[in-house]
């Protein structure tokens, strides 16, 4: 199966990170949320991840795979192109969709990842 469209159900700490990392590597990502309040809580997390990625990319400039500042999730294996990483970060930030309609969110999904708080 060729995965292109990823839906993350839930935009909490873990869900927003899964979504951003998936979008960073080029997947078409939608975060399905249960309420308008969820959007208000999720968007700042996405904003923060963008800033964090950009800061980590800056730290990685000139780093090697064995240095403490090397982020394997931002690099292509043992190589790193800062400009390409910045482009990926900005594309991920712009292209993540937040959706309240579950049917619309998942209708063409290749992969759905559940990351929602469980009620006990």
N, C-alpha and C. Protein backbone atom coordinates (compact mmCIF):
# COMPACT_ATOMS: atom_id res chain seq x y z
N UNK A 1 0.84 -1.19 0.00
CA UNK A 1 0.00 0.00 0.00
C UNK A 1 0.88 1.24 0.00
N UNK A 2 0.49 2.19 -0.79
CA UNK A 2 1.20 3.46 -0.86
C UNK A 2 0.45 4.48 -0.01
N UNK A 3 1.03 4.87 1.11
CA UNK A 3 0.37 5.80 2.03
C UNK A 3 0.69 7.23 1.62
N UNK A 4 -0.36 8.01 1.40
CA UNK A 4 -0.21 9.42 1.07
C UNK A 4 -0.98 10.30 2.04
N UNK A 5 -2.22 9.90 2.36
CA UNK A 5 -3.07 10.72 3.22
C UNK A 5 -3.16 10.09 4.61
N UNK A 6 -2.71 10.86 5.61
CA UNK A 6 -2.71 10.41 6.99
C UNK A 6 -3.70 11.26 7.79
N UNK A 7 -4.51 10.61 8.59
CA UNK A 7 -5.41 11.31 9.50
C UNK A 7 -4.99 10.95 10.91
N UNK A 8 -4.83 11.97 11.74
CA UNK A 8 -4.55 11.77 13.15
C UNK A 8 -5.80 12.18 13.91
N UNK A 9 -6.37 11.24 14.63
CA UNK A 9 -7.55 11.53 15.45
C UNK A 9 -7.06 12.02 16.80
N UNK A 10 -7.15 13.32 17.00
CA UNK A 10 -6.71 13.93 18.25
C UNK A 10 -5.52 14.84 18.02
N UNK A 11 -5.59 16.03 18.59
CA UNK A 11 -4.54 17.03 18.40
C UNK A 11 -3.86 17.43 19.69
N UNK A 12 -3.81 16.51 20.65
CA UNK A 12 -3.10 16.79 21.89
C UNK A 12 -1.60 16.81 21.67
N UNK A 13 -0.86 16.65 22.73
CA UNK A 13 0.60 16.71 22.62
C UNK A 13 1.12 15.65 21.64
N UNK A 14 0.72 14.41 21.82
CA UNK A 14 1.20 13.34 20.96
C UNK A 14 0.63 13.44 19.55
N UNK A 15 -0.68 13.67 19.43
CA UNK A 15 -1.31 13.75 18.12
C UNK A 15 -0.75 14.87 17.26
N UNK A 16 -0.52 16.03 17.86
CA UNK A 16 0.03 17.14 17.08
C UNK A 16 1.46 16.84 16.64
N UNK A 17 2.23 16.14 17.48
CA UNK A 17 3.60 15.79 17.09
C UNK A 17 3.61 14.75 15.98
N UNK A 18 2.75 13.75 16.08
CA UNK A 18 2.65 12.74 15.01
C UNK A 18 2.27 13.43 13.70
N UNK A 19 1.28 14.32 13.78
CA UNK A 19 0.82 15.02 12.58
C UNK A 19 1.92 15.87 11.97
N UNK A 20 2.63 16.64 12.79
CA UNK A 20 3.66 17.53 12.25
C UNK A 20 4.80 16.73 11.62
N UNK A 21 5.23 15.67 12.30
CA UNK A 21 6.33 14.87 11.76
C UNK A 21 5.91 14.18 10.45
N UNK A 22 4.68 13.71 10.40
CA UNK A 22 4.18 13.09 9.16
C UNK A 22 4.14 14.11 8.03
N UNK A 23 3.64 15.31 8.32
CA UNK A 23 3.59 16.36 7.31
C UNK A 23 4.99 16.79 6.90
N UNK A 24 5.92 16.82 7.84
CA UNK A 24 7.32 17.19 7.54
C UNK A 24 7.90 16.26 6.47
N UNK A 25 7.55 14.98 6.54
CA UNK A 25 8.08 14.02 5.57
C UNK A 25 7.19 13.87 4.35
N UNK A 26 6.26 14.82 4.15
CA UNK A 26 5.56 14.90 2.89
C UNK A 26 4.19 14.26 2.81
N UNK A 27 3.69 13.74 3.92
CA UNK A 27 2.35 13.17 3.88
C UNK A 27 1.31 14.27 3.93
N UNK A 28 0.17 14.01 3.32
CA UNK A 28 -0.99 14.90 3.37
C UNK A 28 -1.69 14.60 4.70
N UNK A 29 -1.67 15.55 5.64
CA UNK A 29 -2.11 15.27 7.01
C UNK A 29 -3.33 16.10 7.40
N UNK A 30 -4.29 15.41 7.98
CA UNK A 30 -5.46 16.04 8.58
C UNK A 30 -5.53 15.59 10.03
N UNK A 31 -5.79 16.54 10.92
CA UNK A 31 -6.05 16.20 12.32
C UNK A 31 -7.55 16.32 12.52
N UNK A 32 -8.18 15.21 12.91
CA UNK A 32 -9.60 15.24 13.22
C UNK A 32 -9.76 15.59 14.69
N UNK A 33 -10.60 16.58 14.93
CA UNK A 33 -10.84 17.07 16.29
C UNK A 33 -12.33 17.03 16.59
N UNK A 34 -12.66 16.90 17.87
CA UNK A 34 -14.06 16.75 18.27
C UNK A 34 -14.82 18.06 18.43
N UNK A 35 -14.12 19.18 18.63
CA UNK A 35 -14.85 20.42 18.93
C UNK A 35 -14.03 21.65 18.54
N UNK A 36 -14.72 22.78 18.45
CA UNK A 36 -14.04 24.06 18.20
C UNK A 36 -12.99 24.32 19.28
N UNK A 37 -13.31 23.94 20.52
CA UNK A 37 -12.36 24.10 21.61
C UNK A 37 -11.08 23.32 21.36
N UNK A 38 -11.21 22.16 20.73
CA UNK A 38 -10.03 21.36 20.40
C UNK A 38 -9.15 22.08 19.40
N UNK A 39 -9.77 22.77 18.45
CA UNK A 39 -8.99 23.54 17.47
C UNK A 39 -8.20 24.63 18.19
N UNK A 40 -8.85 25.31 19.13
CA UNK A 40 -8.18 26.38 19.87
C UNK A 40 -7.02 25.85 20.72
N UNK A 41 -7.10 24.58 21.13
CA UNK A 41 -6.00 23.99 21.90
C UNK A 41 -4.92 23.39 21.00
N UNK A 42 -5.30 22.94 19.81
CA UNK A 42 -4.35 22.27 18.91
C UNK A 42 -3.50 23.27 18.13
N UNK A 43 -4.09 24.32 17.62
CA UNK A 43 -3.33 25.26 16.78
C UNK A 43 -2.07 25.80 17.48
N UNK A 44 -2.14 26.18 18.76
CA UNK A 44 -0.90 26.64 19.41
C UNK A 44 0.18 25.55 19.49
N UNK A 45 -0.24 24.30 19.58
CA UNK A 45 0.73 23.21 19.59
C UNK A 45 1.44 23.11 18.24
N UNK A 46 0.67 23.25 17.17
CA UNK A 46 1.24 23.23 15.82
C UNK A 46 2.17 24.43 15.63
N UNK A 47 1.76 25.60 16.11
CA UNK A 47 2.60 26.79 16.03
C UNK A 47 3.93 26.56 16.77
N UNK A 48 3.84 25.97 17.96
CA UNK A 48 5.04 25.70 18.76
C UNK A 48 5.97 24.70 18.06
N UNK A 49 5.39 23.68 17.46
CA UNK A 49 6.21 22.68 16.76
C UNK A 49 6.97 23.31 15.60
N UNK A 50 6.31 24.20 14.87
CA UNK A 50 7.01 24.91 13.79
C UNK A 50 8.23 25.63 14.33
N UNK A 51 8.05 26.38 15.40
CA UNK A 51 9.17 27.13 15.99
C UNK A 51 10.25 26.19 16.51
N UNK A 52 9.85 25.09 17.10
CA UNK A 52 10.81 24.12 17.64
C UNK A 52 11.63 23.48 16.52
N UNK A 53 10.96 23.09 15.45
CA UNK A 53 11.67 22.50 14.31
C UNK A 53 12.69 23.50 13.76
N UNK A 54 12.26 24.75 13.57
CA UNK A 54 13.17 25.76 13.01
C UNK A 54 14.37 25.97 13.94
N UNK A 55 14.15 25.97 15.25
CA UNK A 55 15.25 26.13 16.20
C UNK A 55 16.19 24.93 16.15
N UNK A 56 15.63 23.73 16.06
CA UNK A 56 16.46 22.53 15.98
C UNK A 56 17.25 22.48 14.68
N UNK A 57 16.66 22.92 13.60
CA UNK A 57 17.37 22.98 12.31
C UNK A 57 18.55 23.92 12.42
N UNK A 58 18.35 25.05 13.06
CA UNK A 58 19.45 26.01 13.25
C UNK A 58 20.59 25.37 14.05
N UNK A 59 20.25 24.62 15.08
CA UNK A 59 21.27 23.94 15.90
C UNK A 59 22.00 22.86 15.12
N UNK A 60 21.33 22.27 14.15
CA UNK A 60 21.94 21.18 13.38
C UNK A 60 22.91 21.65 12.31
N UNK A 61 22.88 22.92 11.97
CA UNK A 61 23.78 23.42 10.93
C UNK A 61 25.22 23.14 11.34
N UNK A 62 25.93 22.42 10.51
CA UNK A 62 27.32 22.08 10.78
C UNK A 62 27.51 20.89 11.69
N UNK A 63 26.43 20.30 12.16
CA UNK A 63 26.53 19.14 13.06
C UNK A 63 26.79 17.87 12.25
N UNK A 64 27.26 16.87 12.93
CA UNK A 64 27.48 15.56 12.32
C UNK A 64 26.54 14.56 12.98
N UNK A 65 26.30 13.40 12.33
CA UNK A 65 25.36 12.42 12.89
C UNK A 65 25.69 11.94 14.31
N UNK A 66 26.95 12.08 14.74
CA UNK A 66 27.30 11.62 16.09
C UNK A 66 27.29 12.75 17.13
N UNK A 67 26.91 13.96 16.74
CA UNK A 67 26.89 15.07 17.69
C UNK A 67 25.54 15.12 18.42
N UNK A 68 25.53 15.67 19.63
CA UNK A 68 24.29 15.73 20.42
C UNK A 68 23.17 16.56 19.78
N UNK A 69 23.51 17.49 18.91
CA UNK A 69 22.48 18.34 18.30
C UNK A 69 21.86 17.72 17.04
N UNK A 70 22.29 16.52 16.67
CA UNK A 70 21.78 15.86 15.48
C UNK A 70 20.39 15.30 15.75
N UNK A 71 19.40 15.67 14.96
CA UNK A 71 18.03 15.18 15.09
C UNK A 71 17.74 14.26 13.92
N UNK A 72 17.75 12.98 14.16
CA UNK A 72 17.53 12.02 13.08
C UNK A 72 16.19 12.21 12.38
N UNK A 73 15.19 12.66 13.09
CA UNK A 73 13.87 12.86 12.49
C UNK A 73 13.80 14.04 11.54
N UNK A 74 14.84 14.89 11.54
CA UNK A 74 14.89 16.04 10.63
C UNK A 74 15.85 15.83 9.48
N UNK A 75 16.67 14.82 9.57
CA UNK A 75 17.72 14.59 8.58
C UNK A 75 17.38 13.42 7.68
N UNK A 76 17.95 13.42 6.49
CA UNK A 76 17.85 12.28 5.58
C UNK A 76 19.01 11.33 5.90
N UNK A 77 18.80 10.43 6.81
CA UNK A 77 19.87 9.50 7.18
C UNK A 77 21.05 10.23 7.78
N UNK A 78 22.20 10.10 7.14
CA UNK A 78 23.42 10.73 7.64
C UNK A 78 23.72 12.07 6.97
N UNK A 79 22.78 12.58 6.17
CA UNK A 79 23.01 13.87 5.53
C UNK A 79 21.96 14.87 6.01
N UNK A 80 22.29 16.14 5.89
CA UNK A 80 21.38 17.18 6.35
C UNK A 80 21.53 18.40 5.47
N UNK A 81 20.39 18.87 4.96
CA UNK A 81 20.33 20.08 4.16
C UNK A 81 19.40 21.04 4.89
N UNK A 82 19.97 22.05 5.53
CA UNK A 82 19.19 22.97 6.36
C UNK A 82 18.10 23.67 5.56
N UNK A 83 18.41 24.12 4.36
CA UNK A 83 17.40 24.82 3.56
C UNK A 83 16.23 23.90 3.21
N UNK A 84 16.54 22.67 2.86
CA UNK A 84 15.49 21.70 2.55
C UNK A 84 14.65 21.42 3.81
N UNK A 85 15.29 21.33 4.95
CA UNK A 85 14.58 21.08 6.21
C UNK A 85 13.67 22.26 6.55
N UNK A 86 14.13 23.47 6.31
CA UNK A 86 13.29 24.65 6.55
C UNK A 86 12.08 24.62 5.61
N UNK A 87 12.30 24.30 4.33
CA UNK A 87 11.20 24.20 3.37
C UNK A 87 10.18 23.15 3.81
N UNK A 88 10.67 22.00 4.28
CA UNK A 88 9.78 20.94 4.75
C UNK A 88 8.97 21.41 5.96
N UNK A 89 9.63 22.13 6.86
CA UNK A 89 8.96 22.62 8.06
C UNK A 89 7.84 23.59 7.69
N UNK A 90 8.14 24.53 6.81
CA UNK A 90 7.13 25.52 6.42
C UNK A 90 5.98 24.86 5.66
N UNK A 91 6.30 23.88 4.81
CA UNK A 91 5.26 23.17 4.07
C UNK A 91 4.38 22.37 5.03
N UNK A 92 5.00 21.72 6.00
CA UNK A 92 4.24 20.96 7.00
C UNK A 92 3.29 21.88 7.74
N UNK A 93 3.80 23.02 8.17
CA UNK A 93 3.00 23.98 8.94
C UNK A 93 1.80 24.47 8.13
N UNK A 94 2.02 24.78 6.87
CA UNK A 94 0.95 25.32 6.03
C UNK A 94 -0.07 24.26 5.62
N UNK A 95 0.36 23.02 5.52
CA UNK A 95 -0.49 22.00 4.90
C UNK A 95 -1.26 21.12 5.87
N UNK A 96 -0.99 21.20 7.16
CA UNK A 96 -1.77 20.40 8.11
C UNK A 96 -3.18 20.99 8.17
N UNK A 97 -4.16 20.11 8.01
CA UNK A 97 -5.56 20.55 8.06
C UNK A 97 -6.18 20.13 9.38
N UNK A 98 -6.97 21.00 9.96
CA UNK A 98 -7.73 20.69 11.17
C UNK A 98 -9.19 20.54 10.75
N UNK A 99 -9.80 19.41 11.10
CA UNK A 99 -11.15 19.09 10.62
C UNK A 99 -12.03 18.61 11.76
N UNK A 100 -13.26 19.12 11.81
CA UNK A 100 -14.22 18.69 12.82
C UNK A 100 -15.16 17.59 12.32
N UNK A 101 -15.33 17.49 11.02
CA UNK A 101 -16.23 16.50 10.43
C UNK A 101 -15.46 15.19 10.22
N UNK A 102 -15.77 14.17 11.04
CA UNK A 102 -15.03 12.92 10.96
C UNK A 102 -15.14 12.27 9.58
N UNK A 103 -16.34 12.24 9.02
CA UNK A 103 -16.52 11.61 7.71
C UNK A 103 -15.64 12.29 6.66
N UNK A 104 -15.64 13.60 6.65
CA UNK A 104 -14.81 14.35 5.71
C UNK A 104 -13.32 14.09 5.96
N UNK A 105 -12.93 14.01 7.21
CA UNK A 105 -11.52 13.81 7.55
C UNK A 105 -10.98 12.47 7.06
N UNK A 106 -11.77 11.41 7.22
CA UNK A 106 -11.25 10.06 6.96
C UNK A 106 -11.65 9.46 5.61
N UNK A 107 -12.49 10.15 4.83
CA UNK A 107 -13.06 9.52 3.64
C UNK A 107 -12.03 9.01 2.63
N UNK A 108 -10.92 9.66 2.46
CA UNK A 108 -9.90 9.20 1.52
C UNK A 108 -8.60 8.82 2.22
N UNK A 109 -8.65 8.59 3.52
CA UNK A 109 -7.43 8.32 4.29
C UNK A 109 -6.83 6.97 3.93
N UNK A 110 -5.51 6.96 3.85
CA UNK A 110 -4.77 5.71 3.69
C UNK A 110 -4.38 5.13 5.04
N UNK A 111 -4.27 6.01 6.03
CA UNK A 111 -3.87 5.60 7.37
C UNK A 111 -4.54 6.52 8.38
N UNK A 112 -5.15 5.93 9.40
CA UNK A 112 -5.73 6.69 10.50
C UNK A 112 -5.01 6.30 11.77
N UNK A 113 -4.52 7.31 12.49
CA UNK A 113 -3.81 7.08 13.75
C UNK A 113 -4.65 7.70 14.86
N UNK A 114 -5.01 6.89 15.84
CA UNK A 114 -5.83 7.37 16.95
C UNK A 114 -4.89 7.86 18.06
N UNK A 115 -5.09 9.09 18.49
CA UNK A 115 -4.28 9.68 19.54
C UNK A 115 -5.15 10.61 20.39
N UNK A 116 -6.16 10.02 21.00
CA UNK A 116 -7.12 10.82 21.76
C UNK A 116 -7.11 10.38 23.22
N UNK A 117 -7.44 11.32 24.08
CA UNK A 117 -7.56 11.00 25.50
C UNK A 117 -8.72 10.03 25.70
N UNK A 118 -8.49 9.05 26.50
CA UNK A 118 -9.51 8.05 26.79
C UNK A 118 -10.30 8.52 28.01
N UNK A 119 -11.58 8.31 27.98
CA UNK A 119 -12.42 8.62 29.14
C UNK A 119 -12.57 7.35 29.96
N UNK A 120 -12.37 7.47 31.26
CA UNK A 120 -12.50 6.29 32.13
C UNK A 120 -13.73 6.36 32.99
